[in-house]
């Protein structure tokens, strides 16, 4: 099942890249405010079909991403792991002249309370 999801995901990635690259770009900041209406295909451009294909491929990409995450995520491992053991943690050896002095806090009791 994981292999099928990965294959669909990779194909969706490739076709999504192609669909985005086929879309025409607009020049300048005036396009944001509606100034790019003089295109060859009219005011909406050639985006009708390409926008729908891109949205569909983006949906497939999102669904396959989430499905793969659900299929492979949060599995409890019975295998022994170095990360789970906590043994063998090596502390760095620092020469005595480079060691920072340790700070010790003393309990002052009621003296520390503000008045």
C-alpha atoms as a PDB file:
ATOM      1  CA  UNK A   1       0.000   0.000   0.000  1.00  0.00           C
ATOM      2  CA  UNK A   2       2.847   2.360   0.865  1.00  0.00           C
ATOM      3  CA  UNK A   3       4.463   1.725  -2.516  1.00  0.00           C
ATOM      4  CA  UNK A   4       1.244   2.584  -4.345  1.00  0.00           C
ATOM      5  CA  UNK A   5       0.857   5.830  -2.407  1.00  0.00           C
ATOM      6  CA  UNK A   6       4.486   6.778  -3.121  1.00  0.00           C
ATOM      7  CA  UNK A   7       4.107   6.058  -6.854  1.00  0.00           C
ATOM      8  CA  UNK A   8       0.940   8.171  -7.074  1.00  0.00           C
ATOM      9  CA  UNK A   9       2.628  10.911  -5.036  1.00  0.00           C
ATOM     10  CA  UNK A  10       5.707  11.056  -7.291  1.00  0.00           C
ATOM     11  CA  UNK A  11       3.555  11.105 -10.436  1.00  0.00           C
ATOM     12  CA  UNK A  12       1.410  13.884  -8.970  1.00  0.00           C
ATOM     13  CA  UNK A  13       4.602  15.830  -8.174  1.00  0.00           C
ATOM     14  CA  UNK A  14       5.915  15.518 -11.712  1.00  0.00           C
ATOM     15  CA  UNK A  15       2.618  16.459 -13.354  1.00  0.00           C
ATOM     16  CA  UNK A  16       2.066  19.300 -10.869  1.00  0.00           C
ATOM     17  CA  UNK A  17       5.434  20.788 -11.780  1.00  0.00           C
ATOM     18  CA  UNK A  18       4.525  20.498 -15.460  1.00  0.00           C
ATOM     19  CA  UNK A  19       1.109  22.104 -14.967  1.00  0.00           C
ATOM     20  CA  UNK A  20       2.601  25.029 -13.057  1.00  0.00           C
ATOM     21  CA  UNK A  21       5.298  25.527 -15.686  1.00  0.00           C
ATOM     22  CA  UNK A  22       2.706  25.582 -18.497  1.00  0.00           C
ATOM     23  CA  UNK A  23       0.784  28.446 -16.948  1.00  0.00           C
ATOM     24  CA  UNK A  24       1.539  31.853 -18.308  1.00  0.00           C
ATOM     25  CA  UNK A  25       3.240  34.335 -16.054  1.00  0.00           C
ATOM     26  CA  UNK A  26       2.147  37.942 -15.743  1.00  0.00           C
ATOM     27  CA  UNK A  27       4.568  40.805 -15.591  1.00  0.00           C
ATOM     28  CA  UNK A  28       4.630  43.645 -13.131  1.00  0.00           C
ATOM     29  CA  UNK A  29       2.802  44.460  -9.934  1.00  0.00           C
ATOM     30  CA  UNK A  30      -0.242  45.790 -11.799  1.00  0.00           C
ATOM     31  CA  UNK A  31      -1.470  42.236 -12.288  1.00  0.00           C
ATOM     32  CA  UNK A  32      -2.222  41.964  -8.591  1.00  0.00           C
ATOM     33  CA  UNK A  33      -4.750  44.772  -8.925  1.00  0.00           C
ATOM     34  CA  UNK A  34      -6.300  43.513 -12.163  1.00  0.00           C
ATOM     35  CA  UNK A  35      -4.106  45.295 -14.705  1.00  0.00           C
ATOM     36  CA  UNK A  36      -3.153  42.226 -16.722  1.00  0.00           C
ATOM     37  CA  UNK A  37      -6.346  41.938 -18.784  1.00  0.00           C
ATOM     38  CA  UNK A  38      -4.739  42.373 -22.199  1.00  0.00           C
ATOM     39  CA  UNK A  39      -3.674  38.761 -22.675  1.00  0.00           C
ATOM     40  CA  UNK A  40      -4.031  36.696 -25.801  1.00  0.00           C
ATOM     41  CA  UNK A  41      -6.847  34.548 -24.394  1.00  0.00           C
ATOM     42  CA  UNK A  42      -8.957  37.338 -22.915  1.00  0.00           C
ATOM     43  CA  UNK A  43      -9.150  38.736 -19.413  1.00  0.00           C
ATOM     44  CA  UNK A  44      -8.967  35.350 -17.674  1.00  0.00           C
ATOM     45  CA  UNK A  45      -6.051  34.110 -19.771  1.00  0.00           C
ATOM     46  CA  UNK A  46      -5.518  30.465 -20.688  1.00  0.00           C
ATOM     47  CA  UNK A  47      -5.957  29.410 -17.093  1.00  0.00           C
ATOM     48  CA  UNK A  48      -9.392  27.797 -17.167  1.00  0.00           C
ATOM     49  CA  UNK A  49      -8.330  24.212 -17.743  1.00  0.00           C
ATOM     50  CA  UNK A  50      -4.791  24.593 -16.401  1.00  0.00           C
ATOM     51  CA  UNK A  51      -6.003  26.093 -13.130  1.00  0.00           C
ATOM     52  CA  UNK A  52      -8.409  23.201 -12.627  1.00  0.00           C
ATOM     53  CA  UNK A  53      -5.741  20.618 -13.483  1.00  0.00           C
ATOM     54  CA  UNK A  54      -3.288  22.308 -11.124  1.00  0.00           C
ATOM     55  CA  UNK A  55      -5.857  22.403  -8.319  1.00  0.00           C
ATOM     56  CA  UNK A  56      -6.672  18.733  -8.878  1.00  0.00           C
ATOM     57  CA  UNK A  57      -3.016  17.713  -8.864  1.00  0.00           C
ATOM     58  CA  UNK A  58      -2.388  19.795  -5.745  1.00  0.00           C
ATOM     59  CA  UNK A  59      -5.286  17.998  -4.059  1.00  0.00           C
ATOM     60  CA  UNK A  60      -3.866  14.602  -5.046  1.00  0.00           C
ATOM     61  CA  UNK A  61      -0.451  15.716  -3.743  1.00  0.00           C
ATOM     62  CA  UNK A  62      -1.956  16.767  -0.405  1.00  0.00           C
ATOM     63  CA  UNK A  63      -4.004  13.588  -0.004  1.00  0.00           C
ATOM     64  CA  UNK A  64      -1.087  11.296  -0.844  1.00  0.00           C
ATOM     65  CA  UNK A  65       1.176  13.224   1.545  1.00  0.00           C
ATOM     66  CA  UNK A  66      -1.273  12.793   4.405  1.00  0.00           C
ATOM     67  CA  UNK A  67      -2.008   9.166   3.535  1.00  0.00           C
ATOM     68  CA  UNK A  68       1.677   8.262   3.506  1.00  0.00           C
ATOM     69  CA  UNK A  69       2.155  10.031   6.823  1.00  0.00           C
ATOM     70  CA  UNK A  70      -0.703   8.046   8.377  1.00  0.00           C
ATOM     71  CA  UNK A  71       0.575   4.763   6.952  1.00  0.00           C
ATOM     72  CA  UNK A  72       4.155   5.192   8.143  1.00  0.00           C
ATOM     73  CA  UNK A  73       3.987   7.468  11.176  1.00  0.00           C
ATOM     74  CA  UNK A  74       4.087   6.740  14.917  1.00  0.00           C
ATOM     75  CA  UNK A  75       4.861   3.058  14.830  1.00  0.00           C
ATOM     76  CA  UNK A  76       6.140   1.672  18.102  1.00  0.00           C
ATOM     77  CA  UNK A  77       9.313  -0.230  17.510  1.00  0.00           C
ATOM     78  CA  UNK A  78      10.156  -3.392  19.420  1.00  0.00           C
ATOM     79  CA  UNK A  79      13.752  -3.130  18.289  1.00  0.00           C
ATOM     80  CA  UNK A  80      16.374  -1.899  20.676  1.00  0.00           C
ATOM     81  CA  UNK A  81      17.627   1.564  19.875  1.00  0.00           C
ATOM     82  CA  UNK A  82      20.611   3.518  21.081  1.00  0.00           C
ATOM     83  CA  UNK A  83      18.387   6.582  21.316  1.00  0.00           C
ATOM     84  CA  UNK A  84      15.974   4.790  23.648  1.00  0.00           C
ATOM     85  CA  UNK A  85      18.627   3.241  25.902  1.00  0.00           C
ATOM     86  CA  UNK A  86      20.308   6.394  27.127  1.00  0.00           C
ATOM     87  CA  UNK A  87      23.481   4.471  27.851  1.00  0.00           C
ATOM     88  CA  UNK A  88      26.785   5.433  26.403  1.00  0.00           C
ATOM     89  CA  UNK A  89      26.197   9.159  26.502  1.00  0.00           C
ATOM     90  CA  UNK A  90      29.651  10.622  26.299  1.00  0.00           C
ATOM     91  CA  UNK A  91      30.387  13.880  28.081  1.00  0.00           C
ATOM     92  CA  UNK A  92      33.023  16.033  26.423  1.00  0.00           C
ATOM     93  CA  UNK A  93      36.377  16.175  28.148  1.00  0.00           C
ATOM     94  CA  UNK A  94      37.295  19.771  28.855  1.00  0.00           C
ATOM     95  CA  UNK A  95      40.722  20.688  30.204  1.00  0.00           C
ATOM     96  CA  UNK A  96      40.710  22.109  33.744  1.00  0.00           C
ATOM     97  CA  UNK A  97      41.871  25.544  32.628  1.00  0.00           C
ATOM     98  CA  UNK A  98      38.933  25.872  30.201  1.00  0.00           C
ATOM     99  CA  UNK A  99      36.185  24.665  32.530  1.00  0.00           C
ATOM    100  CA  UNK A 100      33.599  27.171  33.602  1.00  0.00           C
ATOM    101  CA  UNK A 101      32.986  27.504  37.310  1.00  0.00           C
ATOM    102  CA  UNK A 102      29.856  25.782  38.519  1.00  0.00           C
ATOM    103  CA  UNK A 103      27.068  27.870  39.980  1.00  0.00           C
ATOM    104  CA  UNK A 104      25.445  26.703  43.189  1.00  0.00           C
ATOM    105  CA  UNK A 105      22.188  28.139  44.399  1.00  0.00           C
ATOM    106  CA  UNK A 106      21.509  28.310  48.091  1.00  0.00           C
ATOM    107  CA  UNK A 107      18.051  28.191  49.577  1.00  0.00           C
ATOM    108  CA  UNK A 108      17.616  31.495  51.400  1.00  0.00           C
ATOM    109  CA  UNK A 109      14.191  30.681  52.750  1.00  0.00           C
ATOM    110  CA  UNK A 110      12.036  33.666  53.698  1.00  0.00           C
ATOM    111  CA  UNK A 111      14.822  36.189  53.122  1.00  0.00           C
ATOM    112  CA  UNK A 112      14.244  36.083  49.358  1.00  0.00           C
ATOM    113  CA  UNK A 113      10.630  37.259  49.602  1.00  0.00           C
ATOM    114  CA  UNK A 114      10.001  40.853  48.671  1.00  0.00           C
ATOM    115  CA  UNK A 115       8.528  43.126  51.258  1.00  0.00           C
END
